[in-house]
Every structure is written in C-alpha cells, then in structure tokens.
mmCIF file of all heavy atoms, coordinates in Angstrom:
data_MODEL
# 
_entry.id   MODEL 
# 
loop_
_atom_site.group_PDB 
_atom_site.id 
_atom_site.type_symbol 
_atom_site.label_atom_id 
_atom_site.label_alt_id 
_atom_site.label_comp_id 
_atom_site.label_asym_id 
_atom_site.label_entity_id 
_atom_site.label_seq_id 
_atom_site.pdbx_PDB_ins_code 
_atom_site.Cartn_x 
_atom_site.Cartn_y 
_atom_site.Cartn_z 
_atom_site.occupancy 
_atom_site.B_iso_or_equiv 
_atom_site.pdbx_formal_charge 
_atom_site.auth_seq_id 
_atom_site.auth_comp_id 
_atom_site.auth_asym_id 
_atom_site.auth_atom_id 
_atom_site.pdbx_PDB_model_num 
ATOM 1   N N   . THR A 1 1  ? 29.808 17.154 -42.156 1.00 0.00 ? 1  THR A N   1 
ATOM 2   C CA  . THR A 1 1  ? 29.176 18.064 -43.108 1.00 0.00 ? 1  THR A CA  1 
ATOM 3   C C   . THR A 1 1  ? 27.901 17.444 -43.641 1.00 0.00 ? 1  THR A C   1 
ATOM 4   O O   . THR A 1 1  ? 27.689 16.229 -43.571 1.00 0.00 ? 1  THR A O   1 
ATOM 5   C CB  . THR A 1 1  ? 30.089 18.390 -44.282 1.00 0.00 ? 1  THR A CB  1 
ATOM 6   O OG1 . THR A 1 1  ? 30.441 17.192 -44.968 1.00 0.00 ? 1  THR A OG1 1 
ATOM 7   C CG2 . THR A 1 1  ? 31.365 19.081 -43.801 1.00 0.00 ? 1  THR A CG2 1 
ATOM 8   N N   . LEU A 1 2  ? 27.016 18.284 -44.134 1.00 0.00 ? 2  LEU A N   1 
ATOM 9   C CA  . LEU A 1 2  ? 25.773 17.851 -44.762 1.00 0.00 ? 2  LEU A CA  1 
ATOM 10  C C   . LEU A 1 2  ? 25.900 17.958 -46.271 1.00 0.00 ? 2  LEU A C   1 
ATOM 11  O O   . LEU A 1 2  ? 26.386 18.972 -46.795 1.00 0.00 ? 2  LEU A O   1 
ATOM 12  C CB  . LEU A 1 2  ? 24.595 18.720 -44.278 1.00 0.00 ? 2  LEU A CB  1 
ATOM 13  C CG  . LEU A 1 2  ? 24.295 18.633 -42.783 1.00 0.00 ? 2  LEU A CG  1 
ATOM 14  C CD1 . LEU A 1 2  ? 23.154 19.603 -42.435 1.00 0.00 ? 2  LEU A CD1 1 
ATOM 15  C CD2 . LEU A 1 2  ? 23.911 17.215 -42.364 1.00 0.00 ? 2  LEU A CD2 1 
ATOM 16  N N   . GLY A 1 3  ? 25.479 16.914 -46.973 1.00 0.00 ? 3  GLY A N   1 
ATOM 17  C CA  . GLY A 1 3  ? 25.565 16.895 -48.423 1.00 0.00 ? 3  GLY A CA  1 
ATOM 18  C C   . GLY A 1 3  ? 24.551 17.820 -49.080 1.00 0.00 ? 3  GLY A C   1 
ATOM 19  O O   . GLY A 1 3  ? 23.573 18.251 -48.441 1.00 0.00 ? 3  GLY A O   1 
ATOM 20  N N   . ALA A 1 4  ? 24.763 18.096 -50.356 1.00 0.00 ? 4  ALA A N   1 
ATOM 21  C CA  . ALA A 1 4  ? 23.865 18.992 -51.094 1.00 0.00 ? 4  ALA A CA  1 
ATOM 22  C C   . ALA A 1 4  ? 22.440 18.452 -51.124 1.00 0.00 ? 4  ALA A C   1 
ATOM 23  O O   . ALA A 1 4  ? 21.474 19.235 -51.179 1.00 0.00 ? 4  ALA A O   1 
ATOM 24  C CB  . ALA A 1 4  ? 24.396 19.203 -52.507 1.00 0.00 ? 4  ALA A CB  1 
ATOM 25  N N   . GLY A 1 5  ? 22.268 17.145 -51.087 1.00 0.00 ? 5  GLY A N   1 
ATOM 26  C CA  . GLY A 1 5  ? 20.949 16.549 -51.129 1.00 0.00 ? 5  GLY A CA  1 
ATOM 27  C C   . GLY A 1 5  ? 20.173 16.708 -49.839 1.00 0.00 ? 5  GLY A C   1 
ATOM 28  O O   . GLY A 1 5  ? 18.957 16.423 -49.801 1.00 0.00 ? 5  GLY A O   1 
ATOM 29  N N   . GLN A 1 6  ? 20.820 17.190 -48.799 1.00 0.00 ? 6  GLN A N   1 
ATOM 30  C CA  . GLN A 1 6  ? 20.139 17.382 -47.505 1.00 0.00 ? 6  GLN A CA  1 
ATOM 31  C C   . GLN A 1 6  ? 19.740 18.845 -47.251 1.00 0.00 ? 6  GLN A C   1 
ATOM 32  O O   . GLN A 1 6  ? 19.187 19.160 -46.220 1.00 0.00 ? 6  GLN A O   1 
ATOM 33  C CB  . GLN A 1 6  ? 21.073 16.947 -46.368 1.00 0.00 ? 6  GLN A CB  1 
ATOM 34  C CG  . GLN A 1 6  ? 21.400 15.456 -46.372 1.00 0.00 ? 6  GLN A CG  1 
ATOM 35  C CD  . GLN A 1 6  ? 22.418 15.117 -45.296 1.00 0.00 ? 6  GLN A CD  1 
ATOM 36  O OE1 . GLN A 1 6  ? 23.617 15.151 -45.519 1.00 0.00 ? 6  GLN A OE1 1 
ATOM 37  N NE2 . GLN A 1 6  ? 21.920 14.808 -44.120 1.00 0.00 ? 6  GLN A NE2 1 
ATOM 38  N N   . VAL A 1 7  ? 20.050 19.717 -48.198 1.00 0.00 ? 7  VAL A N   1 
ATOM 39  C CA  . VAL A 1 7  ? 19.817 21.161 -47.996 1.00 0.00 ? 7  VAL A CA  1 
ATOM 40  C C   . VAL A 1 7  ? 19.091 21.732 -49.216 1.00 0.00 ? 7  VAL A C   1 
ATOM 41  O O   . VAL A 1 7  ? 19.437 21.401 -50.360 1.00 0.00 ? 7  VAL A O   1 
ATOM 42  C CB  . VAL A 1 7  ? 21.157 21.904 -47.785 1.00 0.00 ? 7  VAL A CB  1 
ATOM 43  C CG1 . VAL A 1 7  ? 20.889 23.382 -47.512 1.00 0.00 ? 7  VAL A CG1 1 
ATOM 44  C CG2 . VAL A 1 7  ? 21.949 21.291 -46.661 1.00 0.00 ? 7  VAL A CG2 1 
ATOM 45  N N   . ALA A 1 8  ? 18.104 22.569 -48.977 1.00 0.00 ? 8  ALA A N   1 
ATOM 46  C CA  . ALA A 1 8  ? 17.377 23.269 -50.050 1.00 0.00 ? 8  ALA A CA  1 
ATOM 47  C C   . ALA A 1 8  ? 17.216 24.731 -49.654 1.00 0.00 ? 8  ALA A C   1 
ATOM 48  O O   . ALA A 1 8  ? 16.816 25.019 -48.525 1.00 0.00 ? 8  ALA A O   1 
ATOM 49  C CB  . ALA A 1 8  ? 16.035 22.626 -50.302 1.00 0.00 ? 8  ALA A CB  1 
ATOM 50  N N   . THR A 1 9  ? 17.538 25.638 -50.560 1.00 0.00 ? 9  THR A N   1 
ATOM 51  C CA  . THR A 1 9  ? 17.523 27.077 -50.279 1.00 0.00 ? 9  THR A CA  1 
ATOM 52  C C   . THR A 1 9  ? 16.783 27.820 -51.373 1.00 0.00 ? 9  THR A C   1 
ATOM 53  O O   . THR A 1 9  ? 16.964 27.510 -52.550 1.00 0.00 ? 9  THR A O   1 
ATOM 54  C CB  . THR A 1 9  ? 18.971 27.602 -50.166 1.00 0.00 ? 9  THR A CB  1 
ATOM 55  O OG1 . THR A 1 9  ? 19.682 26.853 -49.192 1.00 0.00 ? 9  THR A OG1 1 
ATOM 56  C CG2 . THR A 1 9  ? 18.953 29.087 -49.749 1.00 0.00 ? 9  THR A CG2 1 
ATOM 57  N N   . TRP A 1 10 ? 15.978 28.802 -50.965 1.00 0.00 ? 10 TRP A N   1 
ATOM 58  C CA  . TRP A 1 10 ? 15.253 29.621 -51.923 1.00 0.00 ? 10 TRP A CA  1 
ATOM 59  C C   . TRP A 1 10 ? 15.331 31.087 -51.507 1.00 0.00 ? 10 TRP A C   1 
ATOM 60  O O   . TRP A 1 10 ? 15.170 31.405 -50.316 1.00 0.00 ? 10 TRP A O   1 
ATOM 61  C CB  . TRP A 1 10 ? 13.767 29.243 -51.992 1.00 0.00 ? 10 TRP A CB  1 
ATOM 62  C CG  . TRP A 1 10 ? 13.526 27.807 -52.349 1.00 0.00 ? 10 TRP A CG  1 
ATOM 63  C CD1 . TRP A 1 10 ? 13.429 27.252 -53.596 1.00 0.00 ? 10 TRP A CD1 1 
ATOM 64  C CD2 . TRP A 1 10 ? 13.345 26.716 -51.423 1.00 0.00 ? 10 TRP A CD2 1 
ATOM 65  N NE1 . TRP A 1 10 ? 13.214 25.907 -53.517 1.00 0.00 ? 10 TRP A NE1 1 
ATOM 66  C CE2 . TRP A 1 10 ? 13.132 25.530 -52.191 1.00 0.00 ? 10 TRP A CE2 1 
ATOM 67  C CE3 . TRP A 1 10 ? 13.312 26.611 -50.031 1.00 0.00 ? 10 TRP A CE3 1 
ATOM 68  C CZ2 . TRP A 1 10 ? 12.922 24.302 -51.617 1.00 0.00 ? 10 TRP A CZ2 1 
ATOM 69  C CZ3 . TRP A 1 10 ? 13.108 25.384 -49.439 1.00 0.00 ? 10 TRP A CZ3 1 
ATOM 70  C CH2 . TRP A 1 10 ? 12.930 24.231 -50.229 1.00 0.00 ? 10 TRP A CH2 1 
ATOM 71  N N   . ASP A 1 11 ? 15.543 31.965 -52.457 1.00 0.00 ? 11 ASP A N   1 
ATOM 72  C CA  . ASP A 1 11 ? 15.445 33.409 -52.245 1.00 0.00 ? 11 ASP A CA  1 
ATOM 73  C C   . ASP A 1 11 ? 14.008 33.836 -52.508 1.00 0.00 ? 11 ASP A C   1 
ATOM 74  O O   . ASP A 1 11 ? 13.407 33.441 -53.516 1.00 0.00 ? 11 ASP A O   1 
ATOM 75  C CB  . ASP A 1 11 ? 16.399 34.165 -53.158 1.00 0.00 ? 11 ASP A CB  1 
ATOM 76  C CG  . ASP A 1 11 ? 17.853 33.915 -52.800 1.00 0.00 ? 11 ASP A CG  1 
ATOM 77  O OD1 . ASP A 1 11 ? 18.155 33.873 -51.585 1.00 0.00 ? 11 ASP A OD1 1 
ATOM 78  O OD2 . ASP A 1 11 ? 18.661 33.752 -53.744 1.00 0.00 ? 11 ASP A OD2 1 
ATOM 79  N N   . LEU A 1 12 ? 13.453 34.619 -51.591 1.00 0.00 ? 12 LEU A N   1 
ATOM 80  C CA  . LEU A 1 12 ? 12.042 34.998 -51.680 1.00 0.00 ? 12 LEU A CA  1 
ATOM 81  C C   . LEU A 1 12 ? 11.903 36.522 -51.877 1.00 0.00 ? 12 LEU A C   1 
ATOM 82  O O   . LEU A 1 12 ? 12.723 37.303 -51.383 1.00 0.00 ? 12 LEU A O   1 
ATOM 83  C CB  . LEU A 1 12 ? 11.287 34.594 -50.400 1.00 0.00 ? 12 LEU A CB  1 
ATOM 84  C CG  . LEU A 1 12 ? 11.332 33.108 -50.053 1.00 0.00 ? 12 LEU A CG  1 
ATOM 85  C CD1 . LEU A 1 12 ? 10.660 32.887 -48.693 1.00 0.00 ? 12 LEU A CD1 1 
ATOM 86  C CD2 . LEU A 1 12 ? 10.644 32.283 -51.135 1.00 0.00 ? 12 LEU A CD2 1 
ATOM 87  N N   . ALA A 1 13 ? 10.875 36.899 -52.606 1.00 0.00 ? 13 ALA A N   1 
ATOM 88  C CA  . ALA A 1 13 ? 10.593 38.313 -52.796 1.00 0.00 ? 13 ALA A CA  1 
ATOM 89  C C   . ALA A 1 13 ? 10.042 38.928 -51.522 1.00 0.00 ? 13 ALA A C   1 
ATOM 90  O O   . ALA A 1 13 ? 9.444  38.252 -50.684 1.00 0.00 ? 13 ALA A O   1 
ATOM 91  C CB  . ALA A 1 13 ? 9.582  38.486 -53.951 1.00 0.00 ? 13 ALA A CB  1 
ATOM 92  N N   . ASP A 1 14 ? 10.257 40.218 -51.366 1.00 0.00 ? 14 ASP A N   1 
ATOM 93  C CA  . ASP A 1 14 ? 9.784  40.935 -50.186 1.00 0.00 ? 14 ASP A CA  1 
ATOM 94  C C   . ASP A 1 14 ? 8.338  41.388 -50.415 1.00 0.00 ? 14 ASP A C   1 
ATOM 95  O O   . ASP A 1 14 ? 8.055  42.603 -50.526 1.00 0.00 ? 14 ASP A O   1 
ATOM 96  C CB  . ASP A 1 14 ? 10.696 42.123 -49.914 1.00 0.00 ? 14 ASP A CB  1 
ATOM 97  C CG  . ASP A 1 14 ? 10.301 42.879 -48.661 1.00 0.00 ? 14 ASP A CG  1 
ATOM 98  O OD1 . ASP A 1 14 ? 9.679  42.263 -47.762 1.00 0.00 ? 14 ASP A OD1 1 
ATOM 99  O OD2 . ASP A 1 14 ? 10.599 44.100 -48.569 1.00 0.00 ? 14 ASP A OD2 1 
ATOM 100 N N   . GLU A 1 15 ? 7.419  40.448 -50.521 1.00 0.00 ? 15 GLU A N   1 
ATOM 101 C CA  . GLU A 1 15 ? 6.034  40.737 -50.800 1.00 0.00 ? 15 GLU A CA  1 
ATOM 102 C C   . GLU A 1 15 ? 5.163  39.627 -50.238 1.00 0.00 ? 15 GLU A C   1 
ATOM 103 O O   . GLU A 1 15 ? 5.631  38.468 -50.101 1.00 0.00 ? 15 GLU A O   1 
ATOM 104 C CB  . GLU A 1 15 ? 5.787  40.891 -52.290 1.00 0.00 ? 15 GLU A CB  1 
ATOM 105 C CG  . GLU A 1 15 ? 6.173  39.648 -53.088 1.00 0.00 ? 15 GLU A CG  1 
ATOM 106 C CD  . GLU A 1 15 ? 6.034  39.849 -54.577 1.00 0.00 ? 15 GLU A CD  1 
ATOM 107 O OE1 . GLU A 1 15 ? 6.028  41.019 -55.015 1.00 0.00 ? 15 GLU A OE1 1 
ATOM 108 O OE2 . GLU A 1 15 ? 5.907  38.859 -55.313 1.00 0.00 ? 15 GLU A OE2 1 
ATOM 109 N N   . PRO A 1 16 ? 3.901  39.893 -49.870 1.00 0.00 ? 16 PRO A N   1 
ATOM 110 C CA  . PRO A 1 16 ? 3.043  38.872 -49.287 1.00 0.00 ? 16 PRO A CA  1 
ATOM 111 C C   . PRO A 1 16 ? 2.868  37.632 -50.150 1.00 0.00 ? 16 PRO A C   1 
ATOM 112 O O   . PRO A 1 16 ? 2.712  36.528 -49.603 1.00 0.00 ? 16 PRO A O   1 
ATOM 113 C CB  . PRO A 1 16 ? 1.700  39.619 -49.105 1.00 0.00 ? 16 PRO A CB  1 
ATOM 114 C CG  . PRO A 1 16 ? 2.096  41.062 -48.972 1.00 0.00 ? 16 PRO A CG  1 
ATOM 115 C CD  . PRO A 1 16 ? 3.281  41.227 -49.873 1.00 0.00 ? 16 PRO A CD  1 
ATOM 116 N N   . ALA A 1 17 ? 2.905  37.776 -51.454 1.00 0.00 ? 17 ALA A N   1 
ATOM 117 C CA  . ALA A 1 17 ? 2.731  36.614 -52.328 1.00 0.00 ? 17 ALA A CA  1 
ATOM 118 C C   . ALA A 1 17 ? 3.846  35.575 -52.137 1.00 0.00 ? 17 ALA A C   1 
ATOM 119 O O   . ALA A 1 17 ? 3.674  34.412 -52.500 1.00 0.00 ? 17 ALA A O   1 
ATOM 120 C CB  . ALA A 1 17 ? 2.697  37.063 -53.793 1.00 0.00 ? 17 ALA A CB  1 
ATOM 121 N N   . ALA A 1 18 ? 4.963  35.982 -51.536 1.00 0.00 ? 18 ALA A N   1 
ATOM 122 C CA  . ALA A 1 18 ? 6.073  35.051 -51.332 1.00 0.00 ? 18 ALA A CA  1 
ATOM 123 C C   . ALA A 1 18 ? 5.728  33.977 -50.318 1.00 0.00 ? 18 ALA A C   1 
ATOM 124 O O   . ALA A 1 18 ? 6.341  32.895 -50.309 1.00 0.00 ? 18 ALA A O   1 
ATOM 125 C CB  . ALA A 1 18 ? 7.312  35.816 -50.874 1.00 0.00 ? 18 ALA A CB  1 
ATOM 126 N N   . VAL A 1 19 ? 4.730  34.219 -49.442 1.00 0.00 ? 19 VAL A N   1 
ATOM 127 C CA  . VAL A 1 19 ? 4.366  33.238 -48.433 1.00 0.00 ? 19 VAL A CA  1 
ATOM 128 C C   . VAL A 1 19 ? 3.814  31.982 -49.113 1.00 0.00 ? 19 VAL A C   1 
ATOM 129 O O   . VAL A 1 19 ? 4.155  30.855 -48.743 1.00 0.00 ? 19 VAL A O   1 
ATOM 130 C CB  . VAL A 1 19 ? 3.357  33.840 -47.447 1.00 0.00 ? 19 VAL A CB  1 
ATOM 131 C CG1 . VAL A 1 19 ? 2.928  32.804 -46.421 1.00 0.00 ? 19 VAL A CG1 1 
ATOM 132 C CG2 . VAL A 1 19 ? 3.965  35.060 -46.741 1.00 0.00 ? 19 VAL A CG2 1 
ATOM 133 N N   . ALA A 1 20 ? 2.954  32.174 -50.092 1.00 0.00 ? 20 ALA A N   1 
ATOM 134 C CA  . ALA A 1 20 ? 2.390  31.017 -50.812 1.00 0.00 ? 20 ALA A CA  1 
ATOM 135 C C   . ALA A 1 20 ? 3.489  30.262 -51.569 1.00 0.00 ? 20 ALA A C   1 
ATOM 136 O O   . ALA A 1 20 ? 3.494  29.035 -51.619 1.00 0.00 ? 20 ALA A O   1 
ATOM 137 C CB  . ALA A 1 20 ? 1.307  31.485 -51.775 1.00 0.00 ? 20 ALA A CB  1 
ATOM 138 N N   . LYS A 1 21 ? 4.433  30.998 -52.144 1.00 0.00 ? 21 LYS A N   1 
ATOM 139 C CA  . LYS A 1 21 ? 5.536  30.371 -52.846 1.00 0.00 ? 21 LYS A CA  1 
ATOM 140 C C   . LYS A 1 21 ? 6.396  29.540 -51.868 1.00 0.00 ? 21 LYS A C   1 
ATOM 141 O O   . LYS A 1 21 ? 6.866  28.462 -52.195 1.00 0.00 ? 21 LYS A O   1 
ATOM 142 C CB  . LYS A 1 21 ? 6.381  31.379 -53.573 1.00 0.00 ? 21 LYS A CB  1 
ATOM 143 C CG  . LYS A 1 21 ? 5.657  32.041 -54.743 1.00 0.00 ? 21 LYS A CG  1 
ATOM 144 C CD  . LYS A 1 21 ? 6.573  33.034 -55.453 1.00 0.00 ? 21 LYS A CD  1 
ATOM 145 C CE  . LYS A 1 21 ? 5.848  33.671 -56.629 1.00 0.00 ? 21 LYS A CE  1 
ATOM 146 N NZ  . LYS A 1 21 ? 6.711  34.652 -57.355 1.00 0.00 ? 21 LYS A NZ  1 
ATOM 147 N N   . ALA A 1 22 ? 6.577  30.077 -50.671 1.00 0.00 ? 22 ALA A N   1 
ATOM 148 C CA  . ALA A 1 22 ? 7.348  29.362 -49.661 1.00 0.00 ? 22 ALA A CA  1 
ATOM 149 C C   . ALA A 1 22 ? 6.661  28.040 -49.300 1.00 0.00 ? 22 ALA A C   1 
ATOM 150 O O   . ALA A 1 22 ? 7.335  27.009 -49.171 1.00 0.00 ? 22 ALA A O   1 
ATOM 151 C CB  . ALA A 1 22 ? 7.534  30.234 -48.425 1.00 0.00 ? 22 ALA A CB  1 
ATOM 152 N N   . ARG A 1 23 ? 5.346  28.073 -49.127 1.00 0.00 ? 23 ARG A N   1 
ATOM 153 C CA  . ARG A 1 23 ? 4.627  26.842 -48.821 1.00 0.00 ? 23 ARG A CA  1 
ATOM 154 C C   . ARG A 1 23 ? 4.775  25.831 -49.951 1.00 0.00 ? 23 ARG A C   1 
ATOM 155 O O   . ARG A 1 23 ? 4.954  24.636 -49.725 1.00 0.00 ? 23 ARG A O   1 
ATOM 156 C CB  . ARG A 1 23 ? 3.148  27.138 -48.575 1.00 0.00 ? 23 ARG A CB  1 
ATOM 157 C CG  . ARG A 1 23 ? 2.873  27.843 -47.257 1.00 0.00 ? 23 ARG A CG  1 
ATOM 158 C CD  . ARG A 1 23 ? 1.406  27.742 -46.891 1.00 0.00 ? 23 ARG A CD  1 
ATOM 159 N NE  . ARG A 1 23 ? 0.562  28.418 -47.871 1.00 0.00 ? 23 ARG A NE  1 
ATOM 160 C CZ  . ARG A 1 23 ? 0.155  29.674 -47.796 1.00 0.00 ? 23 ARG A CZ  1 
ATOM 161 N NH1 . ARG A 1 23 ? 0.500  30.415 -46.746 1.00 0.00 ? 23 ARG A NH1 1 
ATOM 162 N NH2 . ARG A 1 23 ? -0.637 30.191 -48.706 1.00 0.00 ? 23 ARG A NH2 1 
ATOM 163 N N   . SER A 1 24 ? 4.720  26.329 -51.205 1.00 0.00 ? 24 SER A N   1 
ATOM 164 C CA  . SER A 1 24 ? 4.858  25.424 -52.348 1.00 0.00 ? 24 SER A CA  1 
ATOM 165 C C   . SER A 1 24 ? 6.248  24.807 -52.380 1.00 0.00 ? 24 SER A C   1 
ATOM 166 O O   . SER A 1 24 ? 6.397  23.596 -52.642 1.00 0.00 ? 24 SER A O   1 
ATOM 167 C CB  . SER A 1 24 ? 4.598  26.206 -53.631 1.00 0.00 ? 24 SER A CB  1 
ATOM 168 O OG  . SER A 1 24 ? 4.787  25.406 -54.768 1.00 0.00 ? 24 SER A OG  1 
ATOM 169 N N   . HIS A 1 25 ? 7.291  25.609 -52.085 1.00 0.00 ? 25 HIS A N   1 
ATOM 170 C CA  . HIS A 1 25 ? 8.650  25.081 -52.043 1.00 0.00 ? 25 HIS A CA  1 
ATOM 171 C C   . HIS A 1 25 ? 8.784  23.983 -50.987 1.00 0.00 ? 25 HIS A C   1 
ATOM 172 O O   . HIS A 1 25 ? 9.386  22.924 -51.242 1.00 0.00 ? 25 HIS A O   1 
ATOM 173 C CB  . HIS A 1 25 ? 9.649  26.197 -51.741 1.00 0.00 ? 25 HIS A CB  1 
ATOM 174 C CG  . HIS A 1 25 ? 9.798  27.205 -52.834 1.00 0.00 ? 25 HIS A CG  1 
ATOM 175 N ND1 . HIS A 1 25 ? 9.854  26.863 -54.165 1.00 0.00 ? 25 HIS A ND1 1 
ATOM 176 C CD2 . HIS A 1 25 ? 9.951  28.574 -52.775 1.00 0.00 ? 25 HIS A CD2 1 
ATOM 177 C CE1 . HIS A 1 25 ? 10.009 27.965 -54.907 1.00 0.00 ? 25 HIS A CE1 1 
ATOM 178 N NE2 . HIS A 1 25 ? 10.081 29.007 -54.078 1.00 0.00 ? 25 HIS A NE2 1 
ATOM 179 N N   . VAL A 1 26 ? 8.204  24.235 -49.828 1.00 0.00 ? 26 VAL A N   1 
ATOM 180 C CA  . VAL A 1 26 ? 8.304  23.265 -48.730 1.00 0.00 ? 26 VAL A CA  1 
ATOM 181 C C   . VAL A 1 26 ? 7.610  21.969 -49.092 1.00 0.00 ? 26 VAL A C   1 
ATOM 182 O O   . VAL A 1 26 ? 8.148  20.882 -48.891 1.00 0.00 ? 26 VAL A O   1 
ATOM 183 C CB  . VAL A 1 26 ? 7.693  23.861 -47.438 1.00 0.00 ? 26 VAL A CB  1 
ATOM 184 C CG1 . VAL A 1 26 ? 7.556  22.787 -46.355 1.00 0.00 ? 26 VAL A CG1 1 
ATOM 185 C CG2 . VAL A 1 26 ? 8.574  25.015 -46.935 1.00 0.00 ? 26 VAL A CG2 1 
# 
C-alpha cells in the first residue's frame, strides 16, 4: 500500500480557471 504522504488529491471546478489552480496544486 501507499501511505497518505505519497498521495495528494484535489477536487476541481468544471471551469477553465481550474487549470491554473491545478498547476498551482502540482
């Protein structure tokens, strides 16, 4: 199994502005 520190998850809005937020999260 993979520990919690090895995984990061984000829910994104269904809108173009979410792409910039995704880059920021990464």
